[in-house]
């Protein structure tokens, strides 16, 4: 969110467009971090389920 505001200020007020690659890389990094964080929970829950199930059968 802060990256978006910084881009808005740099482009709107100062008419400075040379940091575009930084904004793209930052946006991609934020998206990747979000996807990793969201996908970690179901993976942990599934592994815990299988561990619990394996413990009940042995």
PDB file of N, CA and C in Angstrom:
ATOM      1  N   UNK A   1       0.831  -1.182   0.000  1.00  0.00           N
ATOM      2  CA  UNK A   1       0.000   0.000   0.000  1.00  0.00           C
ATOM      3  C   UNK A   1       0.881   1.252   0.000  1.00  0.00           C
ATOM      4  N   UNK A   2       1.917   1.217   0.803  1.00  0.00           N
ATOM      5  CA  UNK A   2       2.836   2.349   0.865  1.00  0.00           C
ATOM      6  C   UNK A   2       3.534   2.546  -0.473  1.00  0.00           C
ATOM      7  N   UNK A   3       3.839   1.445  -1.134  1.00  0.00           N
ATOM      8  CA  UNK A   3       4.473   1.516  -2.447  1.00  0.00           C
ATOM      9  C   UNK A   3       3.559   2.214  -3.458  1.00  0.00           C
ATOM     10  N   UNK A   4       2.275   1.930  -3.391  1.00  0.00           N
ATOM     11  CA  UNK A   4       1.318   2.572  -4.298  1.00  0.00           C
ATOM     12  C   UNK A   4       1.220   4.072  -4.043  1.00  0.00           C
ATOM     13  N   UNK A   5       1.206   4.461  -2.783  1.00  0.00           N
ATOM     14  CA  UNK A   5       1.155   5.889  -2.464  1.00  0.00           C
ATOM     15  C   UNK A   5       2.429   6.601  -2.912  1.00  0.00           C
ATOM     16  N   UNK A   6       3.565   5.940  -2.738  1.00  0.00           N
ATOM     17  CA  UNK A   6       4.828   6.530  -3.173  1.00  0.00           C
ATOM     18  C   UNK A   6       4.837   6.716  -4.696  1.00  0.00           C
ATOM     19  N   UNK A   7       4.310   5.726  -5.402  1.00  0.00           N
ATOM     20  CA  UNK A   7       4.234   5.836  -6.858  1.00  0.00           C
ATOM     21  C   UNK A   7       3.302   6.977  -7.264  1.00  0.00           C
ATOM     22  N   UNK A   8       2.181   7.088  -6.603  1.00  0.00           N
ATOM     23  CA  UNK A   8       1.226   8.144  -6.906  1.00  0.00           C
ATOM     24  C   UNK A   8       1.844   9.521  -6.700  1.00  0.00           C
ATOM     25  N   UNK A   9       2.561   9.692  -5.609  1.00  0.00           N
ATOM     26  CA  UNK A   9       3.190  10.990  -5.333  1.00  0.00           C
ATOM     27  C   UNK A   9       4.292  11.285  -6.343  1.00  0.00           C
ATOM     28  N   UNK A  10       5.142  10.290  -6.619  1.00  0.00           N
ATOM     29  CA  UNK A  10       6.259  10.510  -7.547  1.00  0.00           C
ATOM     30  C   UNK A  10       5.771  10.812  -8.960  1.00  0.00           C
ATOM     31  N   UNK A  11       4.731  10.133  -9.387  1.00  0.00           N
ATOM     32  CA  UNK A  11       4.240  10.358 -10.750  1.00  0.00           C
ATOM     33  C   UNK A  11       3.333  11.578 -10.855  1.00  0.00           C
ATOM     34  N   UNK A  12       2.519  11.772  -9.838  1.00  0.00           N
ATOM     35  CA  UNK A  12       1.546  12.862  -9.906  1.00  0.00           C
ATOM     36  C   UNK A  12       2.133  14.223  -9.636  1.00  0.00           C
ATOM     37  N   UNK A  13       2.829  14.355  -8.534  1.00  0.00           N
ATOM     38  CA  UNK A  13       3.338  15.661  -8.143  1.00  0.00           C
ATOM     39  C   UNK A  13       4.650  16.019  -8.814  1.00  0.00           C
ATOM     40  N   UNK A  14       5.533  15.048  -8.952  1.00  0.00           N
ATOM     41  CA  UNK A  14       6.873  15.352  -9.448  1.00  0.00           C
ATOM     42  C   UNK A  14       7.085  14.974 -10.904  1.00  0.00           C
ATOM     43  N   UNK A  15       6.108  14.284 -11.522  1.00  0.00           N
ATOM     44  CA  UNK A  15       6.198  13.848 -12.916  1.00  0.00           C
ATOM     45  C   UNK A  15       7.501  13.066 -13.148  1.00  0.00           C
ATOM     46  N   UNK A  16       7.756  12.133 -12.249  1.00  0.00           N
ATOM     47  CA  UNK A  16       8.987  11.341 -12.276  1.00  0.00           C
ATOM     48  C   UNK A  16       8.617   9.889 -12.542  1.00  0.00           C
ATOM     49  N   UNK A  17       8.985   9.383 -13.714  1.00  0.00           N
ATOM     50  CA  UNK A  17       8.570   8.047 -14.135  1.00  0.00           C
ATOM     51  C   UNK A  17       9.729   7.051 -14.190  1.00  0.00           C
ATOM     52  N   UNK A  18      10.908   7.416 -13.738  1.00  0.00           N
ATOM     53  CA  UNK A  18      12.061   6.533 -13.857  1.00  0.00           C
ATOM     54  C   UNK A  18      12.074   5.395 -12.840  1.00  0.00           C
ATOM     55  N   UNK A  19      11.231   5.446 -11.838  1.00  0.00           N
ATOM     56  CA  UNK A  19      11.195   4.385 -10.842  1.00  0.00           C
ATOM     57  C   UNK A  19      10.170   3.300 -11.174  1.00  0.00           C
ATOM     58  N   UNK A  20       9.662   3.292 -12.384  1.00  0.00           N
ATOM     59  CA  UNK A  20       8.652   2.306 -12.786  1.00  0.00           C
ATOM     60  C   UNK A  20       9.128   0.869 -12.563  1.00  0.00           C
ATOM     61  N   UNK A  21      10.359   0.503 -12.925  1.00  0.00           N
ATOM     62  CA  UNK A  21      10.797  -0.885 -12.668  1.00  0.00           C
ATOM     63  C   UNK A  21      10.800  -1.249 -11.178  1.00  0.00           C
ATOM     64  N   UNK A  22      11.082  -0.280 -10.328  1.00  0.00           N
ATOM     65  CA  UNK A  22      11.055  -0.538  -8.884  1.00  0.00           C
ATOM     66  C   UNK A  22       9.630  -0.824  -8.430  1.00  0.00           C
ATOM     67  N   UNK A  23       8.661  -0.074  -8.955  1.00  0.00           N
ATOM     68  CA  UNK A  23       7.271  -0.285  -8.585  1.00  0.00           C
ATOM     69  C   UNK A  23       6.785  -1.642  -9.075  1.00  0.00           C
ATOM     70  N   UNK A  24       7.173  -2.028 -10.265  1.00  0.00           N
ATOM     71  CA  UNK A  24       6.763  -3.331 -10.805  1.00  0.00           C
ATOM     72  C   UNK A  24       7.364  -4.454  -9.958  1.00  0.00           C
ATOM     73  N   UNK A  25       8.644  -4.367  -9.658  1.00  0.00           N
ATOM     74  CA  UNK A  25       9.297  -5.395  -8.853  1.00  0.00           C
ATOM     75  C   UNK A  25       8.692  -5.443  -7.445  1.00  0.00           C
ATOM     76  N   UNK A  26       8.429  -4.298  -6.864  1.00  0.00           N
ATOM     77  CA  UNK A  26       7.814  -4.258  -5.538  1.00  0.00           C
ATOM     78  C   UNK A  26       6.414  -4.839  -5.538  1.00  0.00           C
ATOM     79  N   UNK A  27       5.650  -4.530  -6.563  1.00  0.00           N
ATOM     80  CA  UNK A  27       4.298  -5.093  -6.680  1.00  0.00           C
ATOM     81  C   UNK A  27       4.322  -6.601  -6.839  1.00  0.00           C
ATOM     82  N   UNK A  28       5.238  -7.096  -7.654  1.00  0.00           N
ATOM     83  CA  UNK A  28       5.361  -8.546  -7.834  1.00  0.00           C
ATOM     84  C   UNK A  28       5.807  -9.221  -6.535  1.00  0.00           C
ATOM     85  N   UNK A  29       6.738  -8.602  -5.836  1.00  0.00           N
ATOM     86  CA  UNK A  29       7.207  -9.171  -4.571  1.00  0.00           C
ATOM     87  C   UNK A  29       6.076  -9.225  -3.542  1.00  0.00           C
ATOM     88  N   UNK A  30       5.298  -8.159  -3.463  1.00  0.00           N
ATOM     89  CA  UNK A  30       4.165  -8.149  -2.527  1.00  0.00           C
ATOM     90  C   UNK A  30       3.138  -9.219  -2.894  1.00  0.00           C
ATOM     91  N   UNK A  31       2.870  -9.386  -4.171  1.00  0.00           N
ATOM     92  CA  UNK A  31       1.928 -10.409  -4.615  1.00  0.00           C
ATOM     93  C   UNK A  31       2.437 -11.806  -4.293  1.00  0.00           C
ATOM     94  N   UNK A  32       3.713 -12.047  -4.524  1.00  0.00           N
ATOM     95  CA  UNK A  32       4.298 -13.354  -4.247  1.00  0.00           C
ATOM     96  C   UNK A  32       4.273 -13.665  -2.754  1.00  0.00           C
ATOM     97  N   UNK A  33       4.598 -12.686  -1.936  1.00  0.00           N
ATOM     98  CA  UNK A  33       4.556 -12.884  -0.483  1.00  0.00           C
ATOM     99  C   UNK A  33       3.132 -13.184  -0.019  1.00  0.00           C
ATOM    100  N   UNK A  34       2.163 -12.490  -0.584  1.00  0.00           N
ATOM    101  CA  UNK A  34       0.770 -12.712  -0.215  1.00  0.00           C
ATOM    102  C   UNK A  34       0.324 -14.111  -0.598  1.00  0.00           C
ATOM    103  N   UNK A  35       0.655 -14.551  -1.793  1.00  0.00           N
ATOM    104  CA  UNK A  35       0.276 -15.892  -2.245  1.00  0.00           C
ATOM    105  C   UNK A  35       0.918 -16.955  -1.364  1.00  0.00           C
ATOM    106  N   UNK A  36       2.179 -16.783  -1.014  1.00  0.00           N
ATOM    107  CA  UNK A  36       2.866 -17.744  -0.141  1.00  0.00           C
ATOM    108  C   UNK A  36       2.218 -17.792   1.239  1.00  0.00           C
ATOM    109  N   UNK A  37       1.883 -16.644   1.782  1.00  0.00           N
ATOM    110  CA  UNK A  37       1.272 -16.598   3.112  1.00  0.00           C
ATOM    111  C   UNK A  37      -0.109 -17.236   3.102  1.00  0.00           C
ATOM    112  N   UNK A  38      -0.880 -17.001   2.063  1.00  0.00           N
ATOM    113  CA  UNK A  38      -2.229 -17.558   1.986  1.00  0.00           C
ATOM    114  C   UNK A  38      -2.191 -19.065   1.737  1.00  0.00           C
ATOM    115  N   UNK A  39      -1.237 -19.531   0.948  1.00  0.00           N
ATOM    116  CA  UNK A  39      -1.190 -20.957   0.625  1.00  0.00           C
ATOM    117  C   UNK A  39      -0.549 -21.784   1.732  1.00  0.00           C
ATOM    118  N   UNK A  40       0.168 -21.169   2.656  1.00  0.00           N
ATOM    119  CA  UNK A  40       0.828 -21.924   3.727  1.00  0.00           C
ATOM    120  C   UNK A  40      -0.182 -22.522   4.705  1.00  0.00           C
ATOM    121  N   UNK A  41      -1.251 -21.839   4.989  1.00  0.00           N
ATOM    122  CA  UNK A  41      -2.228 -22.329   5.968  1.00  0.00           C
ATOM    123  C   UNK A  41      -2.876 -23.640   5.534  1.00  0.00           C
ATOM    124  N   UNK A  42      -3.430 -23.747   4.315  1.00  0.00           N
ATOM    125  CA  UNK A  42      -4.038 -25.034   3.933  1.00  0.00           C
ATOM    126  C   UNK A  42      -3.027 -26.179   3.883  1.00  0.00           C
ATOM    127  N   UNK A  43      -1.799 -25.876   3.500  1.00  0.00           N
ATOM    128  CA  UNK A  43      -0.779 -26.928   3.449  1.00  0.00           C
ATOM    129  C   UNK A  43      -0.491 -27.428   4.865  1.00  0.00           C
ATOM    130  N   UNK A  44      -0.335 -26.525   5.818  1.00  0.00           N
ATOM    131  CA  UNK A  44      -0.090 -26.930   7.203  1.00  0.00           C
ATOM    132  C   UNK A  44      -1.262 -27.726   7.764  1.00  0.00           C
ATOM    133  N   UNK A  45      -2.477 -27.307   7.444  1.00  0.00           N
ATOM    134  CA  UNK A  45      -3.653 -28.017   7.948  1.00  0.00           C
ATOM    135  C   UNK A  45      -3.738 -29.426   7.360  1.00  0.00           C
ATOM    136  N   UNK A  46      -3.427 -29.558   6.080  1.00  0.00           N
ATOM    137  CA  UNK A  46      -3.466 -30.870   5.432  1.00  0.00           C
ATOM    138  C   UNK A  46      -2.402 -31.791   6.010  1.00  0.00           C
ATOM    139  N   UNK A  47      -1.199 -31.278   6.225  1.00  0.00           N
ATOM    140  CA  UNK A  47      -0.139 -32.089   6.813  1.00  0.00           C
ATOM    141  C   UNK A  47      -0.494 -32.511   8.237  1.00  0.00           C
ATOM    142  N   UNK A  48      -1.088 -31.612   9.007  1.00  0.00           N
ATOM    143  CA  UNK A  48      -1.507 -31.952  10.369  1.00  0.00           C
ATOM    144  C   UNK A  48      -2.595 -33.017  10.349  1.00  0.00           C
ATOM    145  N   UNK A  49      -3.494 -32.940   9.397  1.00  0.00           N
ATOM    146  CA  UNK A  49      -4.556 -33.944   9.276  1.00  0.00           C
ATOM    147  C   UNK A  49      -3.971 -35.317   8.992  1.00  0.00           C
ATOM    148  N   UNK A  50      -3.036 -35.391   8.049  1.00  0.00           N
ATOM    149  CA  UNK A  50      -2.431 -36.675   7.718  1.00  0.00           C
ATOM    150  C   UNK A  50      -1.591 -37.209   8.877  1.00  0.00           C
ATOM    151  N   UNK A  51      -0.923 -36.321   9.606  1.00  0.00           N
ATOM    152  CA  UNK A  51      -0.132 -36.753  10.757  1.00  0.00           C
ATOM    153  C   UNK A  51      -1.049 -37.316  11.837  1.00  0.00           C
ATOM    154  N   UNK A  52      -2.175 -36.642  12.064  1.00  0.00           N
ATOM    155  CA  UNK A  52      -3.133 -37.110  13.057  1.00  0.00           C
ATOM    156  C   UNK A  52      -3.737 -38.434  12.621  1.00  0.00           C
ATOM    157  N   UNK A  53      -4.070 -38.553  11.362  1.00  0.00           N
ATOM    158  CA  UNK A  53      -4.675 -39.779  10.840  1.00  0.00           C
ATOM    159  C   UNK A  53      -3.695 -40.950  10.923  1.00  0.00           C
ATOM    160  N   UNK A  54      -2.439 -40.701  10.626  1.00  0.00           N
ATOM    161  CA  UNK A  54      -1.414 -41.732  10.699  1.00  0.00           C
ATOM    162  C   UNK A  54      -1.217 -42.173  12.150  1.00  0.00           C
ATOM    163  N   UNK A  55      -1.318 -41.244  13.078  1.00  0.00           N
ATOM    164  CA  UNK A  55      -1.187 -41.577  14.499  1.00  0.00           C
ATOM    165  C   UNK A  55      -2.328 -42.436  15.009  1.00  0.00           C
ATOM    166  N   UNK A  56      -3.518 -42.271  14.435  1.00  0.00           N
ATOM    167  CA  UNK A  56      -4.668 -43.077  14.866  1.00  0.00           C
ATOM    168  C   UNK A  56      -4.614 -44.497  14.326  1.00  0.00           C
ATOM    169  N   UNK A  57      -3.997 -44.693  13.161  1.00  0.00           N
ATOM    170  CA  UNK A  57      -3.995 -46.030  12.556  1.00  0.00           C
ATOM    171  C   UNK A  57      -2.860 -46.890  13.070  1.00  0.00           C
ATOM    172  N   UNK A  58      -1.793 -46.297  13.597  1.00  0.00           N
ATOM    173  CA  UNK A  58      -0.665 -47.106  14.075  1.00  0.00           C
ATOM    174  C   UNK A  58      -0.712 -47.259  15.526  1.00  0.00           C
TER     175      UNK A  58
END
